[in-house]
Amino acid sequence: MIVILIENEIKMMAEKKKKILIAEDERPMARALELKLSHEGYDVTYAANGQEALDFLKKDKFDIILLDLMMPKVDGFGVLEEMKAKKMKIPVIILSNLSQVEDEERAKKMGAKDFFIKSNTPIANIIDYVKKHL
């Protein structure tokens, strides 16, 4: 009886785990985010390009997306366009090295919740932001 209760509790905890999609072509950055977020207890999925991100979005539900703008196959703007067209209401946080104000404004108009310049933002700040918004 106790074993069944513990198994049920573990299942419930696993079901409540928040799911994060990281769409980032710079593998060291993606890996660092993946490790830290997994350590915080999140279920993390990694996409190496925009097309992979869109494929994951078709198959699974996510609570938040960390999205690079400059990626192969489909860039971050293309991912945002597709999400908007399919009426996906998932919070998107942009992580980019594009530091033009126009890029930030364009991303936010397309539905991005926030925008971080990777070279100016410590990973710990990104993790704190995600924790605060999940």
N, C-alpha and C. Protein backbone atom coordinates (compact mmCIF):
# COMPACT_ATOMS: atom_id res chain seq x y z
N MET A 1 0.83 -1.20 0.00
CA MET A 1 0.00 0.00 0.00
C MET A 1 0.87 1.26 0.00
N ILE A 2 1.88 1.28 0.83
CA ILE A 2 2.77 2.45 0.90
C ILE A 2 3.49 2.63 -0.43
N VAL A 3 3.94 1.53 -1.03
CA VAL A 3 4.64 1.61 -2.32
C VAL A 3 3.74 2.24 -3.37
N ILE A 4 2.48 1.86 -3.41
CA ILE A 4 1.54 2.42 -4.39
C ILE A 4 1.36 3.91 -4.16
N LEU A 5 1.24 4.32 -2.91
CA LEU A 5 1.11 5.75 -2.60
C LEU A 5 2.34 6.52 -3.05
N ILE A 6 3.51 5.99 -2.79
CA ILE A 6 4.74 6.66 -3.19
C ILE A 6 4.83 6.73 -4.72
N GLU A 7 4.49 5.63 -5.41
CA GLU A 7 4.51 5.64 -6.87
C GLU A 7 3.54 6.68 -7.43
N ASN A 8 2.36 6.77 -6.85
CA ASN A 8 1.38 7.76 -7.30
C ASN A 8 1.89 9.18 -7.07
N GLU A 9 2.53 9.41 -5.93
CA GLU A 9 3.08 10.73 -5.62
C GLU A 9 4.18 11.10 -6.61
N ILE A 10 5.03 10.14 -6.95
CA ILE A 10 6.09 10.38 -7.93
C ILE A 10 5.49 10.70 -9.29
N LYS A 11 4.47 9.96 -9.69
CA LYS A 11 3.80 10.24 -10.98
C LYS A 11 3.23 11.64 -10.99
N MET A 12 2.59 12.04 -9.90
CA MET A 12 1.99 13.37 -9.85
C MET A 12 3.07 14.44 -9.92
N MET A 13 4.19 14.24 -9.26
CA MET A 13 5.28 15.21 -9.30
C MET A 13 5.83 15.31 -10.72
N ALA A 14 5.97 14.17 -11.39
CA ALA A 14 6.49 14.16 -12.76
C ALA A 14 5.53 14.89 -13.70
N GLU A 15 4.23 14.71 -13.48
CA GLU A 15 3.25 15.36 -14.33
C GLU A 15 3.24 16.87 -14.13
N LYS A 16 3.59 17.33 -12.96
CA LYS A 16 3.56 18.76 -12.66
C LYS A 16 4.84 19.48 -13.10
N LYS A 17 5.86 18.72 -13.52
CA LYS A 17 7.11 19.32 -13.93
C LYS A 17 6.87 20.27 -15.09
N LYS A 18 7.36 21.48 -14.97
CA LYS A 18 7.21 22.46 -16.04
C LYS A 18 8.15 22.10 -17.19
N LYS A 19 7.64 22.25 -18.41
CA LYS A 19 8.40 21.88 -19.60
C LYS A 19 8.94 23.11 -20.30
N ILE A 20 10.23 23.05 -20.60
CA ILE A 20 10.91 24.17 -21.26
C ILE A 20 11.52 23.68 -22.56
N LEU A 21 11.32 24.46 -23.62
CA LEU A 21 11.97 24.19 -24.90
C LEU A 21 13.08 25.21 -25.09
N ILE A 22 14.29 24.72 -25.29
CA ILE A 22 15.42 25.59 -25.60
C ILE A 22 15.73 25.43 -27.08
N ALA A 23 15.57 26.49 -27.85
CA ALA A 23 15.89 26.49 -29.28
C ALA A 23 17.11 27.38 -29.47
N GLU A 24 18.26 26.75 -29.59
CA GLU A 24 19.55 27.46 -29.58
C GLU A 24 20.56 26.65 -30.37
N ASP A 25 21.19 27.27 -31.38
CA ASP A 25 22.15 26.53 -32.19
C ASP A 25 23.56 26.53 -31.61
N GLU A 26 23.84 27.40 -30.64
CA GLU A 26 25.14 27.40 -29.97
C GLU A 26 25.09 26.34 -28.87
N ARG A 27 25.65 25.16 -29.16
CA ARG A 27 25.53 24.03 -28.26
C ARG A 27 26.05 24.31 -26.84
N PRO A 28 27.20 24.98 -26.65
CA PRO A 28 27.65 25.23 -25.27
C PRO A 28 26.64 26.05 -24.45
N MET A 29 26.05 27.05 -25.08
CA MET A 29 25.04 27.87 -24.40
C MET A 29 23.81 27.02 -24.07
N ALA A 30 23.35 26.27 -25.06
CA ALA A 30 22.17 25.42 -24.86
C ALA A 30 22.42 24.39 -23.77
N ARG A 31 23.59 23.79 -23.77
CA ARG A 31 23.92 22.76 -22.78
C ARG A 31 23.96 23.35 -21.38
N ALA A 32 24.54 24.53 -21.24
CA ALA A 32 24.60 25.18 -19.93
C ALA A 32 23.20 25.46 -19.41
N LEU A 33 22.34 25.99 -20.27
CA LEU A 33 20.95 26.25 -19.87
C LEU A 33 20.23 24.95 -19.53
N GLU A 34 20.43 23.95 -20.37
CA GLU A 34 19.79 22.65 -20.17
C GLU A 34 20.18 22.05 -18.82
N LEU A 35 21.46 22.06 -18.50
CA LEU A 35 21.94 21.49 -17.24
C LEU A 35 21.38 22.24 -16.04
N LYS A 36 21.46 23.56 -16.09
CA LYS A 36 21.01 24.36 -14.94
C LYS A 36 19.49 24.24 -14.74
N LEU A 37 18.73 24.29 -15.82
CA LEU A 37 17.28 24.19 -15.69
C LEU A 37 16.84 22.78 -15.26
N SER A 38 17.53 21.77 -15.77
CA SER A 38 17.23 20.39 -15.34
C SER A 38 17.53 20.24 -13.85
N HIS A 39 18.62 20.82 -13.42
CA HIS A 39 19.00 20.77 -12.00
C HIS A 39 17.95 21.46 -11.12
N GLU A 40 17.27 22.45 -11.68
CA GLU A 40 16.21 23.15 -10.94
C GLU A 40 14.90 22.37 -10.95
N GLY A 41 14.87 21.25 -11.67
CA GLY A 41 13.69 20.40 -11.65
C GLY A 41 12.77 20.54 -12.85
N TYR A 42 13.21 21.24 -13.88
CA TYR A 42 12.39 21.40 -15.08
C TYR A 42 12.65 20.27 -16.07
N ASP A 43 11.66 19.99 -16.89
CA ASP A 43 11.79 19.03 -17.97
C ASP A 43 12.21 19.83 -19.20
N VAL A 44 13.44 19.63 -19.66
CA VAL A 44 14.02 20.47 -20.71
C VAL A 44 14.18 19.68 -22.01
N THR A 45 13.75 20.30 -23.10
CA THR A 45 13.92 19.75 -24.44
C THR A 45 14.80 20.71 -25.23
N TYR A 46 15.72 20.15 -26.00
CA TYR A 46 16.67 20.97 -26.76
C TYR A 46 16.43 20.82 -28.27
N ALA A 47 16.36 21.95 -28.95
CA ALA A 47 16.27 21.99 -30.41
C ALA A 47 17.47 22.76 -30.93
N ALA A 48 18.19 22.19 -31.90
CA ALA A 48 19.41 22.80 -32.42
C ALA A 48 19.14 23.82 -33.52
N ASN A 49 17.89 23.88 -34.00
CA ASN A 49 17.54 24.86 -35.03
C ASN A 49 16.04 25.14 -34.97
N GLY A 50 15.61 26.12 -35.73
CA GLY A 50 14.21 26.53 -35.69
C GLY A 50 13.24 25.47 -36.19
N GLN A 51 13.66 24.68 -37.18
CA GLN A 51 12.77 23.63 -37.68
C GLN A 51 12.55 22.56 -36.62
N GLU A 52 13.62 22.18 -35.91
CA GLU A 52 13.47 21.22 -34.81
C GLU A 52 12.52 21.77 -33.75
N ALA A 53 12.66 23.05 -33.44
CA ALA A 53 11.78 23.67 -32.44
C ALA A 53 10.33 23.56 -32.87
N LEU A 54 10.05 23.87 -34.14
CA LEU A 54 8.68 23.77 -34.65
C LEU A 54 8.17 22.33 -34.61
N ASP A 55 9.05 21.38 -34.91
CA ASP A 55 8.67 19.97 -34.85
C ASP A 55 8.30 19.57 -33.42
N PHE A 56 9.09 20.02 -32.44
CA PHE A 56 8.79 19.72 -31.03
C PHE A 56 7.47 20.37 -30.62
N LEU A 57 7.23 21.58 -31.11
CA LEU A 57 5.99 22.29 -30.75
C LEU A 57 4.75 21.59 -31.31
N LYS A 58 4.89 20.90 -32.42
CA LYS A 58 3.77 20.14 -32.98
C LYS A 58 3.45 18.92 -32.14
N LYS A 59 4.47 18.34 -31.50
CA LYS A 59 4.32 17.07 -30.79
C LYS A 59 4.03 17.22 -29.30
N ASP A 60 4.46 18.34 -28.72
CA ASP A 60 4.44 18.44 -27.26
C ASP A 60 3.99 19.82 -26.82
N LYS A 61 3.62 19.93 -25.55
CA LYS A 61 3.24 21.22 -24.97
C LYS A 61 4.34 21.69 -24.05
N PHE A 62 4.64 22.98 -24.11
CA PHE A 62 5.69 23.56 -23.29
C PHE A 62 5.13 24.73 -22.50
N ASP A 63 5.74 24.97 -21.35
CA ASP A 63 5.32 26.07 -20.50
C ASP A 63 6.04 27.37 -20.84
N ILE A 64 7.23 27.24 -21.43
CA ILE A 64 8.00 28.42 -21.83
C ILE A 64 9.03 27.98 -22.88
N ILE A 65 9.41 28.93 -23.74
CA ILE A 65 10.41 28.66 -24.77
C ILE A 65 11.53 29.69 -24.65
N LEU A 66 12.76 29.20 -24.66
CA LEU A 66 13.93 30.07 -24.75
C LEU A 66 14.39 29.97 -26.20
N LEU A 67 14.32 31.08 -26.93
CA LEU A 67 14.48 31.05 -28.38
C LEU A 67 15.57 32.00 -28.86
N ASP A 68 16.53 31.43 -29.58
CA ASP A 68 17.55 32.23 -30.25
C ASP A 68 16.95 32.76 -31.55
N LEU A 69 17.40 33.91 -32.00
CA LEU A 69 16.87 34.46 -33.26
C LEU A 69 17.66 33.97 -34.47
N MET A 70 18.96 33.85 -34.33
CA MET A 70 19.81 33.47 -35.46
C MET A 70 20.12 31.98 -35.37
N MET A 71 19.34 31.19 -36.13
CA MET A 71 19.52 29.73 -36.15
C MET A 71 19.39 29.24 -37.58
N PRO A 72 19.96 28.07 -37.86
CA PRO A 72 19.81 27.50 -39.21
C PRO A 72 18.40 26.97 -39.46
N LYS A 73 18.11 26.72 -40.72
CA LYS A 73 16.86 26.16 -41.24
C LYS A 73 15.70 27.13 -41.10
N VAL A 74 15.28 27.44 -39.88
CA VAL A 74 14.24 28.45 -39.63
C VAL A 74 14.77 29.32 -38.50
N ASP A 75 14.81 30.64 -38.72
CA ASP A 75 15.31 31.50 -37.65
C ASP A 75 14.23 31.73 -36.59
N GLY A 76 14.62 32.41 -35.52
CA GLY A 76 13.68 32.66 -34.42
C GLY A 76 12.45 33.44 -34.85
N PHE A 77 12.62 34.37 -35.78
CA PHE A 77 11.47 35.13 -36.26
C PHE A 77 10.49 34.20 -36.98
N GLY A 78 11.04 33.24 -37.74
CA GLY A 78 10.19 32.26 -38.42
C GLY A 78 9.42 31.40 -37.42
N VAL A 79 10.07 31.03 -36.32
CA VAL A 79 9.40 30.26 -35.27
C VAL A 79 8.27 31.09 -34.67
N LEU A 80 8.55 32.37 -34.38
CA LEU A 80 7.52 33.25 -33.82
C LEU A 80 6.35 33.41 -34.80
N GLU A 81 6.65 33.55 -36.09
CA GLU A 81 5.58 33.68 -37.11
C GLU A 81 4.69 32.44 -37.12
N GLU A 82 5.31 31.27 -37.10
CA GLU A 82 4.56 30.01 -37.14
C GLU A 82 3.71 29.85 -35.87
N MET A 83 4.28 30.21 -34.74
CA MET A 83 3.53 30.12 -33.48
C MET A 83 2.32 31.05 -33.51
N LYS A 84 2.52 32.25 -34.05
CA LYS A 84 1.43 33.21 -34.13
C LYS A 84 0.35 32.71 -35.09
N ALA A 85 0.76 32.16 -36.21
CA ALA A 85 -0.19 31.63 -37.20
C ALA A 85 -1.01 30.47 -36.62
N LYS A 86 -0.38 29.67 -35.77
CA LYS A 86 -1.07 28.52 -35.17
C LYS A 86 -1.71 28.87 -33.82
N LYS A 87 -1.66 30.17 -33.47
CA LYS A 87 -2.27 30.68 -32.24
C LYS A 87 -1.74 29.97 -30.97
N MET A 88 -0.46 29.71 -30.96
CA MET A 88 0.18 29.11 -29.78
C MET A 88 0.44 30.20 -28.76
N LYS A 89 -0.05 29.99 -27.55
CA LYS A 89 0.06 30.99 -26.49
C LYS A 89 1.11 30.57 -25.45
N ILE A 90 2.31 30.30 -25.90
CA ILE A 90 3.39 29.88 -25.00
C ILE A 90 4.32 31.09 -24.81
N PRO A 91 4.65 31.42 -23.57
CA PRO A 91 5.59 32.53 -23.37
C PRO A 91 6.94 32.22 -24.03
N VAL A 92 7.45 33.20 -24.77
CA VAL A 92 8.73 33.05 -25.47
C VAL A 92 9.70 34.10 -24.95
N ILE A 93 10.86 33.63 -24.54
CA ILE A 93 11.93 34.52 -24.10
C ILE A 93 13.02 34.44 -25.16
N ILE A 94 13.36 35.58 -25.72
CA ILE A 94 14.39 35.63 -26.76
C ILE A 94 15.76 35.74 -26.09
N LEU A 95 16.67 34.87 -26.55
CA LEU A 95 18.08 34.92 -26.15
C LEU A 95 18.86 35.10 -27.44
N SER A 96 19.44 36.27 -27.64
CA SER A 96 20.07 36.54 -28.92
C SER A 96 21.31 37.39 -28.75
N ASN A 97 22.18 37.36 -29.74
CA ASN A 97 23.30 38.28 -29.77
C ASN A 97 22.99 39.47 -30.66
N LEU A 98 21.81 39.48 -31.27
CA LEU A 98 21.37 40.65 -32.03
C LEU A 98 21.01 41.73 -31.01
N SER A 99 21.69 42.85 -31.10
CA SER A 99 21.45 43.87 -30.08
C SER A 99 20.80 45.13 -30.65
N GLN A 100 20.25 45.02 -31.85
CA GLN A 100 19.56 46.16 -32.44
C GLN A 100 18.19 46.32 -31.78
N VAL A 101 17.83 47.55 -31.48
CA VAL A 101 16.53 47.83 -30.88
C VAL A 101 15.41 47.34 -31.79
N GLU A 102 15.61 47.44 -33.11
CA GLU A 102 14.60 47.01 -34.06
C GLU A 102 14.29 45.51 -33.94
N ASP A 103 15.34 44.72 -33.69
CA ASP A 103 15.15 43.27 -33.53
C ASP A 103 14.32 42.96 -32.29
N GLU A 104 14.64 43.65 -31.21
CA GLU A 104 13.88 43.46 -29.97
C GLU A 104 12.42 43.87 -30.16
N GLU A 105 12.20 45.03 -30.77
CA GLU A 105 10.83 45.50 -31.01
C GLU A 105 10.06 44.54 -31.92
N ARG A 106 10.73 44.07 -32.97
CA ARG A 106 10.08 43.13 -33.90
C ARG A 106 9.69 41.84 -33.18
N ALA A 107 10.61 41.30 -32.38
CA ALA A 107 10.35 40.06 -31.65
C ALA A 107 9.18 40.23 -30.68
N LYS A 108 9.14 41.35 -29.98
CA LYS A 108 8.06 41.59 -29.02
C LYS A 108 6.72 41.79 -29.74
N LYS A 109 6.73 42.45 -30.89
CA LYS A 109 5.49 42.61 -31.67
C LYS A 109 4.98 41.26 -32.16
N MET A 110 5.90 40.32 -32.35
CA MET A 110 5.52 38.99 -32.84
C MET A 110 5.12 38.05 -31.68
N GLY A 111 5.18 38.58 -30.46
CA GLY A 111 4.69 37.78 -29.34
C GLY A 111 5.70 37.42 -28.28
N ALA A 112 6.97 37.76 -28.47
CA ALA A 112 7.96 37.43 -27.44
C ALA A 112 7.66 38.21 -26.16
N LYS A 113 7.81 37.54 -25.04
CA LYS A 113 7.53 38.15 -23.74
C LYS A 113 8.69 39.04 -23.30
N ASP A 114 9.92 38.58 -23.56
CA ASP A 114 11.09 39.35 -23.15
C ASP A 114 12.26 39.04 -24.07
N PHE A 115 13.32 39.83 -23.94
CA PHE A 115 14.46 39.77 -24.86
C PHE A 115 15.74 39.97 -24.06
N PHE A 116 16.65 39.00 -24.15
CA PHE A 116 17.94 39.11 -23.47
C PHE A 116 19.05 39.01 -24.50
N ILE A 117 20.05 39.86 -24.36
CA ILE A 117 21.25 39.79 -25.20
C ILE A 117 22.21 38.84 -24.49
N LYS A 118 22.49 37.71 -25.13
CA LYS A 118 23.27 36.65 -24.49
C LYS A 118 24.61 37.13 -23.96
N SER A 119 25.31 37.94 -24.75
CA SER A 119 26.65 38.37 -24.34
C SER A 119 26.62 39.31 -23.13
N ASN A 120 25.45 39.90 -22.85
CA ASN A 120 25.32 40.84 -21.72
C ASN A 120 24.58 40.25 -20.52
N THR A 121 24.12 39.01 -20.63
CA THR A 121 23.27 38.44 -19.60
C THR A 121 23.86 37.15 -19.05
N PRO A 122 24.22 37.13 -17.77
CA PRO A 122 24.71 35.87 -17.18
C PRO A 122 23.62 34.80 -17.20
N ILE A 123 24.03 33.56 -17.38
CA ILE A 123 23.07 32.45 -17.42
C ILE A 123 22.25 32.41 -16.13
N ALA A 124 22.86 32.72 -15.01
CA ALA A 124 22.13 32.72 -13.73
C ALA A 124 20.93 33.66 -13.78
N ASN A 125 21.07 34.80 -14.45
CA ASN A 125 19.95 35.75 -14.57
C ASN A 125 18.82 35.15 -15.41
N ILE A 126 19.18 34.42 -16.45
CA ILE A 126 18.16 33.79 -17.30
C ILE A 126 17.42 32.72 -16.50
N ILE A 127 18.17 31.94 -15.73
CA ILE A 127 17.56 30.88 -14.90
C ILE A 127 16.62 31.52 -13.88
N ASP A 128 17.06 32.58 -13.23
CA ASP A 128 16.21 33.28 -12.25
C ASP A 128 14.94 33.81 -12.91
N TYR A 129 15.07 34.36 -14.10
CA TYR A 129 13.91 34.88 -14.83
C TYR A 129 12.91 33.76 -15.11
N VAL A 130 13.41 32.63 -15.60
CA VAL A 130 12.53 31.50 -15.91
C VAL A 130 11.83 31.03 -14.64
N LYS A 131 12.58 30.86 -13.56
CA LYS A 131 11.99 30.41 -12.29
C LYS A 131 10.90 31.37 -11.82
N LYS A 132 11.14 32.64 -11.98
CA LYS A 132 10.17 33.66 -11.54
C LYS A 132 8.88 33.61 -12.36
N HIS A 133 9.02 33.26 -13.65
CA HIS A 133 7.85 33.30 -14.55
C HIS A 133 7.18 31.96 -14.78
N LEU A 134 7.67 30.92 -14.11
CA LEU A 134 6.97 29.64 -14.19
C LEU A 134 6.33 29.40 -12.88
